[in-house]
Amino acid sequence: MIMSENPLPRPLLGLFTPKNGVLGALLGRFTPKNGVSGALLHGFTPKLRVLAPILNVAVLAICLTACSGQARIDKEDLAAREAARQYADSAAWQTIDRAECRIRYPSDWTLQPESENAVFYLYAPAESDGDRFRENVSLVVEVLPNGKYDADSYVEEAIKLLQVQVTKNERVEWAGHVGRRLVYTQRPALDIVTTNELYVWVINGKAYLLAFSREEGNDGEQAVTGQRILQTFELK
């Protein structure tokens, strides 16, 4: 089983800022060395990671043109978030409560201790002995320099660099905060393709990267629970 973090929500800005002509050390977290990428946080070591092919012309066009326009405020999204919070209350889910945000999760999910820029990583329990990938929800916060980036420009730079296969890129509004929502796929290891949903907000000079990652095609109980956990997230 792969118990790996979603690679995209790590602090990204170090990748965009050259130091002495060389991209920052964070690039090593996305680029394999001798076929194996660097060790993940919390002591988990990934299998071989292979980045998805370079974005094709159609996908690139989607990514670049989607950076304009009004933020989507979907009544169905609002209803889903309210339903998720009600479910969390009825199921007595635990709460991660920080100064700037809050999220709920069931007790059988594994919470990794806060470290570096990671506010939390939540991992699903295995659904079976043959479960190859543990669904996970994560939040990373990065301090941005000099107010240079907003959510649109931050995501645009990430797409250019990371070359993941983006299927959706849209502006969204969550609790009054306008940000971006990406849906993308990639192949971390062993021919496993993951589907990833990433929300990015830039608030008061900080980038908030909230992500949910699951094996593509897996619509089982843990995938449903992971999506519900994501929907309980609140920005204060």
Protein backbone atom coordinates (compact mmCIF):
# COMPACT_ATOMS: atom_id res chain seq x y z
CA MET A 1 0.00 0.00 0.00
CA ILE A 2 1.16 3.55 -0.73
CA MET A 3 0.70 5.87 2.22
CA SER A 4 1.93 9.00 0.54
CA GLU A 5 1.15 12.67 0.80
CA ASN A 6 -0.32 14.52 -2.10
CA PRO A 7 2.79 16.10 -3.67
CA LEU A 8 1.17 19.28 -4.92
CA PRO A 9 0.06 20.91 -1.63
CA ARG A 10 3.63 21.33 -0.38
CA PRO A 11 4.88 24.93 -0.20
CA LEU A 12 5.46 25.81 -3.84
CA LEU A 13 6.97 29.28 -3.85
CA GLY A 14 10.51 28.06 -3.22
CA LEU A 15 10.23 26.41 -6.61
CA PHE A 16 9.59 29.73 -8.30
CA THR A 17 12.40 31.71 -6.65
CA PRO A 18 15.91 30.86 -7.89
CA LYS A 19 18.75 30.91 -5.37
CA ASN A 20 22.18 31.54 -6.92
CA GLY A 21 20.70 30.52 -10.24
CA VAL A 22 19.32 27.22 -8.96
CA LEU A 23 15.71 26.46 -8.13
CA GLY A 24 15.00 26.04 -4.43
CA ALA A 25 15.46 22.80 -2.56
CA LEU A 26 11.75 22.07 -2.72
CA LEU A 27 12.16 21.03 -6.33
CA GLY A 28 13.66 17.80 -5.04
CA ARG A 29 10.28 16.89 -3.60
CA PHE A 30 8.82 16.72 -7.09
CA THR A 31 11.83 15.60 -9.16
CA PRO A 32 13.06 12.00 -8.75
CA LYS A 33 16.71 11.47 -7.89
CA ASN A 34 18.15 8.21 -9.23
CA GLY A 35 14.58 7.20 -9.93
CA VAL A 36 13.28 7.85 -6.43
CA SER A 37 12.01 11.15 -5.08
CA GLY A 38 13.05 12.50 -1.69
CA ALA A 39 11.63 11.26 1.61
CA LEU A 40 8.25 12.62 2.59
CA LEU A 41 7.38 14.30 5.83
CA HIS A 42 6.42 12.26 8.89
CA GLY A 43 8.78 9.41 8.00
CA PHE A 44 6.87 8.01 5.03
CA THR A 45 9.01 7.15 2.01
CA PRO A 46 7.32 7.01 -1.39
CA LYS A 47 7.73 4.46 -4.11
CA LEU A 48 8.85 5.63 -7.52
CA ARG A 49 7.05 8.80 -8.51
CA VAL A 50 6.55 9.57 -12.18
CA LEU A 51 5.08 12.93 -13.08
CA ALA A 52 2.25 12.94 -15.59
CA PRO A 53 3.08 13.82 -19.20
CA ILE A 54 3.53 17.46 -20.14
CA LEU A 55 0.23 19.26 -20.46
CA ASN A 56 -1.21 19.01 -23.93
CA VAL A 57 -2.39 22.06 -25.83
CA ALA A 58 -6.04 21.63 -24.94
CA VAL A 59 -5.40 21.29 -21.21
CA LEU A 60 -2.98 24.22 -21.22
CA ALA A 61 -5.62 26.36 -22.88
CA ILE A 62 -8.07 25.44 -20.14
CA CYS A 63 -5.56 26.35 -17.44
CA LEU A 64 -4.65 29.71 -18.91
CA THR A 65 -8.12 30.91 -19.88
CA ALA A 66 -9.75 29.78 -16.63
CA CYS A 67 -7.80 32.33 -14.60
CA SER A 68 -10.32 35.05 -15.45
CA GLY A 69 -13.99 35.44 -14.76
CA GLN A 70 -16.21 35.47 -11.73
CA ALA A 71 -15.80 33.13 -8.80
CA ARG A 72 -18.30 30.31 -8.74
CA ILE A 73 -20.70 30.25 -5.81
CA ASP A 74 -22.61 27.04 -6.34
CA LYS A 75 -25.73 26.46 -4.24
CA GLU A 76 -25.08 22.72 -4.50
CA ASP A 77 -21.58 23.26 -3.05
CA LEU A 78 -23.01 25.27 -0.16
CA ALA A 79 -25.62 22.59 0.48
CA ALA A 80 -22.94 19.85 0.40
CA ARG A 81 -20.80 21.70 2.95
CA GLU A 82 -23.75 22.18 5.28
CA ALA A 83 -24.75 18.52 4.92
CA ALA A 84 -21.17 17.44 5.66
CA ARG A 85 -21.05 19.52 8.84
CA GLN A 86 -24.38 18.08 9.97
CA TYR A 87 -23.14 14.56 9.28
CA ALA A 88 -19.94 15.26 11.26
CA ASP A 89 -22.03 16.43 14.21
CA SER A 90 -24.29 13.37 14.12
CA ALA A 91 -21.32 10.98 13.79
CA ALA A 92 -19.36 12.71 16.58
CA TRP A 93 -16.38 13.41 14.36
CA GLN A 94 -13.28 14.91 15.87
CA THR A 95 -12.24 18.50 15.18
CA ILE A 96 -8.95 20.12 14.22
CA ASP A 97 -9.36 23.73 15.33
CA ARG A 98 -6.67 26.29 14.49
CA ALA A 99 -6.61 30.07 14.66
CA GLU A 100 -7.40 30.46 10.96
CA CYS A 101 -9.34 27.32 10.07
CA ARG A 102 -11.26 24.26 11.24
CA ILE A 103 -11.95 20.77 9.83
CA ARG A 104 -13.75 17.63 11.03
CA TYR A 105 -12.72 13.97 10.60
CA PRO A 106 -13.73 10.48 11.83
CA SER A 107 -11.70 8.80 14.55
CA ASP A 108 -10.59 5.91 12.32
CA TRP A 109 -8.61 8.29 10.09
CA THR A 110 -4.94 8.86 11.05
CA LEU A 111 -3.95 12.41 11.96
CA GLN A 112 -0.25 13.14 11.46
CA PRO A 113 1.29 15.69 13.85
CA GLU A 114 1.62 19.26 12.69
CA SER A 115 5.08 19.95 11.28
CA GLU A 116 6.84 22.52 9.13
CA ASN A 117 4.21 24.12 6.90
CA ALA A 118 1.75 21.25 7.20
CA VAL A 119 -1.20 22.10 9.43
CA PHE A 120 -2.50 18.54 9.09
CA TYR A 121 -2.39 15.35 7.05
CA LEU A 122 -5.31 12.95 7.46
CA TYR A 123 -5.03 9.38 6.15
CA ALA A 124 -7.86 6.92 5.58
CA PRO A 125 -7.73 3.39 7.01
CA ALA A 126 -7.18 0.62 4.48
CA GLU A 127 -10.41 -0.65 2.95
CA SER A 128 -8.95 -4.12 2.32
CA ASP A 129 -5.67 -6.02 2.18
CA GLY A 130 -5.52 -5.14 -1.51
CA ASP A 131 -6.00 -1.41 -0.97
CA ARG A 132 -3.07 0.18 -2.82
CA PHE A 133 -3.48 3.83 -1.90
CA ARG A 134 -4.70 5.53 1.26
CA GLU A 135 -6.96 8.47 0.61
CA ASN A 136 -5.70 11.62 2.30
CA VAL A 137 -6.76 15.17 3.09
CA SER A 138 -4.14 17.81 3.82
CA LEU A 139 -3.63 21.49 4.50
CA VAL A 140 -0.36 23.32 3.92
CA VAL A 141 0.14 27.03 4.62
CA GLU A 142 2.94 29.04 3.03
CA VAL A 143 4.01 32.60 3.77
CA LEU A 144 4.38 34.52 0.51
CA PRO A 145 6.98 37.26 -0.07
CA ASN A 146 6.10 40.87 -0.78
CA GLY A 147 2.47 40.27 -1.69
CA LYS A 148 3.56 39.13 -5.15
CA TYR A 149 1.03 36.34 -5.58
CA ASP A 150 -2.71 36.01 -5.47
CA ALA A 151 -4.50 32.67 -5.85
CA ASP A 152 -4.69 32.99 -9.64
CA SER A 153 -1.00 33.71 -10.20
CA TYR A 154 0.06 31.14 -7.60
CA VAL A 155 -1.89 28.37 -9.33
CA GLU A 156 -0.73 29.46 -12.78
CA GLU A 157 2.92 29.13 -11.72
CA ALA A 158 2.25 25.74 -10.10
CA ILE A 159 0.68 24.37 -13.27
CA LYS A 160 3.59 25.55 -15.42
CA LEU A 161 6.14 23.90 -13.19
CA LEU A 162 4.53 20.69 -12.00
CA GLN A 163 3.09 19.58 -15.34
CA VAL A 164 0.20 17.60 -13.87
CA GLN A 165 -2.82 16.64 -15.97
CA VAL A 166 -5.38 19.31 -15.07
CA THR A 167 -9.01 18.54 -15.85
CA LYS A 168 -10.64 21.46 -14.03
CA ASN A 169 -9.41 24.91 -13.02
CA GLU A 170 -11.96 27.37 -11.74
CA ARG A 171 -12.37 30.30 -9.40
CA VAL A 172 -14.50 29.55 -6.34
CA GLU A 173 -15.71 31.36 -3.28
CA TRP A 174 -15.56 29.62 0.10
CA ALA A 175 -16.80 31.41 3.23
CA GLY A 176 -16.30 34.77 1.55
CA HIS A 177 -12.75 33.98 0.39
CA VAL A 178 -12.15 33.81 -3.36
CA GLY A 179 -9.66 31.17 -4.45
CA ARG A 180 -9.07 28.49 -7.06
CA ARG A 181 -10.12 24.86 -7.36
CA LEU A 182 -8.02 22.43 -9.38
CA VAL A 183 -8.83 18.84 -10.25
CA TYR A 184 -5.87 16.97 -11.66
CA THR A 185 -4.51 13.47 -12.12
CA GLN A 186 -1.04 12.02 -11.73
CA ARG A 187 0.75 8.71 -11.38
CA PRO A 188 2.73 8.54 -8.09
CA ALA A 189 3.89 4.91 -8.37
CA LEU A 190 3.23 1.34 -9.43
CA ASP A 191 0.84 2.38 -12.20
CA ILE A 192 -1.56 3.89 -9.68
CA VAL A 193 -3.31 6.97 -11.05
CA THR A 194 -4.61 9.40 -8.45
CA THR A 195 -7.36 11.97 -8.73
CA ASN A 196 -6.64 15.09 -6.70
CA GLU A 197 -8.81 18.04 -5.73
CA LEU A 198 -6.90 21.14 -4.63
CA TYR A 199 -8.21 24.43 -3.26
CA VAL A 200 -5.87 27.44 -3.10
CA TRP A 201 -6.54 30.68 -1.26
CA VAL A 202 -4.14 33.56 -0.73
CA ILE A 203 -5.13 35.52 2.39
CA ASN A 204 -3.07 38.18 4.16
CA GLY A 205 0.15 37.13 2.48
CA LYS A 206 -0.32 33.38 3.05
CA ALA A 207 -1.21 30.61 0.61
CA TYR A 208 -3.61 27.97 1.96
CA LEU A 209 -3.44 24.67 0.05
CA LEU A 210 -6.26 22.27 0.92
CA ALA A 211 -6.18 18.96 -0.96
CA PHE A 212 -7.93 15.61 -1.20
CA SER A 213 -6.22 12.73 -3.02
CA ARG A 214 -7.62 9.29 -3.91
CA GLU A 215 -6.96 6.49 -6.35
CA GLU A 216 -8.68 7.18 -9.64
CA GLY A 217 -11.82 5.11 -10.08
CA ASN A 218 -12.08 4.32 -6.38
CA ASP A 219 -15.53 5.44 -5.28
CA GLY A 220 -15.54 3.34 -2.11
CA GLU A 221 -16.40 4.30 1.43
CA GLN A 222 -13.10 6.03 2.20
CA ALA A 223 -13.26 8.12 -0.97
CA VAL A 224 -16.76 9.26 0.00
CA THR A 225 -15.59 10.01 3.56
CA GLY A 226 -12.56 11.93 2.29
CA GLN A 227 -14.76 14.14 0.16
CA ARG A 228 -17.04 14.73 3.14
CA ILE A 229 -14.05 15.65 5.34
CA LEU A 230 -12.97 18.16 2.71
CA GLN A 231 -16.43 19.70 2.73
CA THR A 232 -16.30 20.33 6.50
CA PHE A 233 -13.31 22.66 6.10
CA GLU A 234 -13.92 26.20 7.34
CA LEU A 235 -11.83 29.33 6.91
CA LYS A 236 -12.34 31.70 9.81
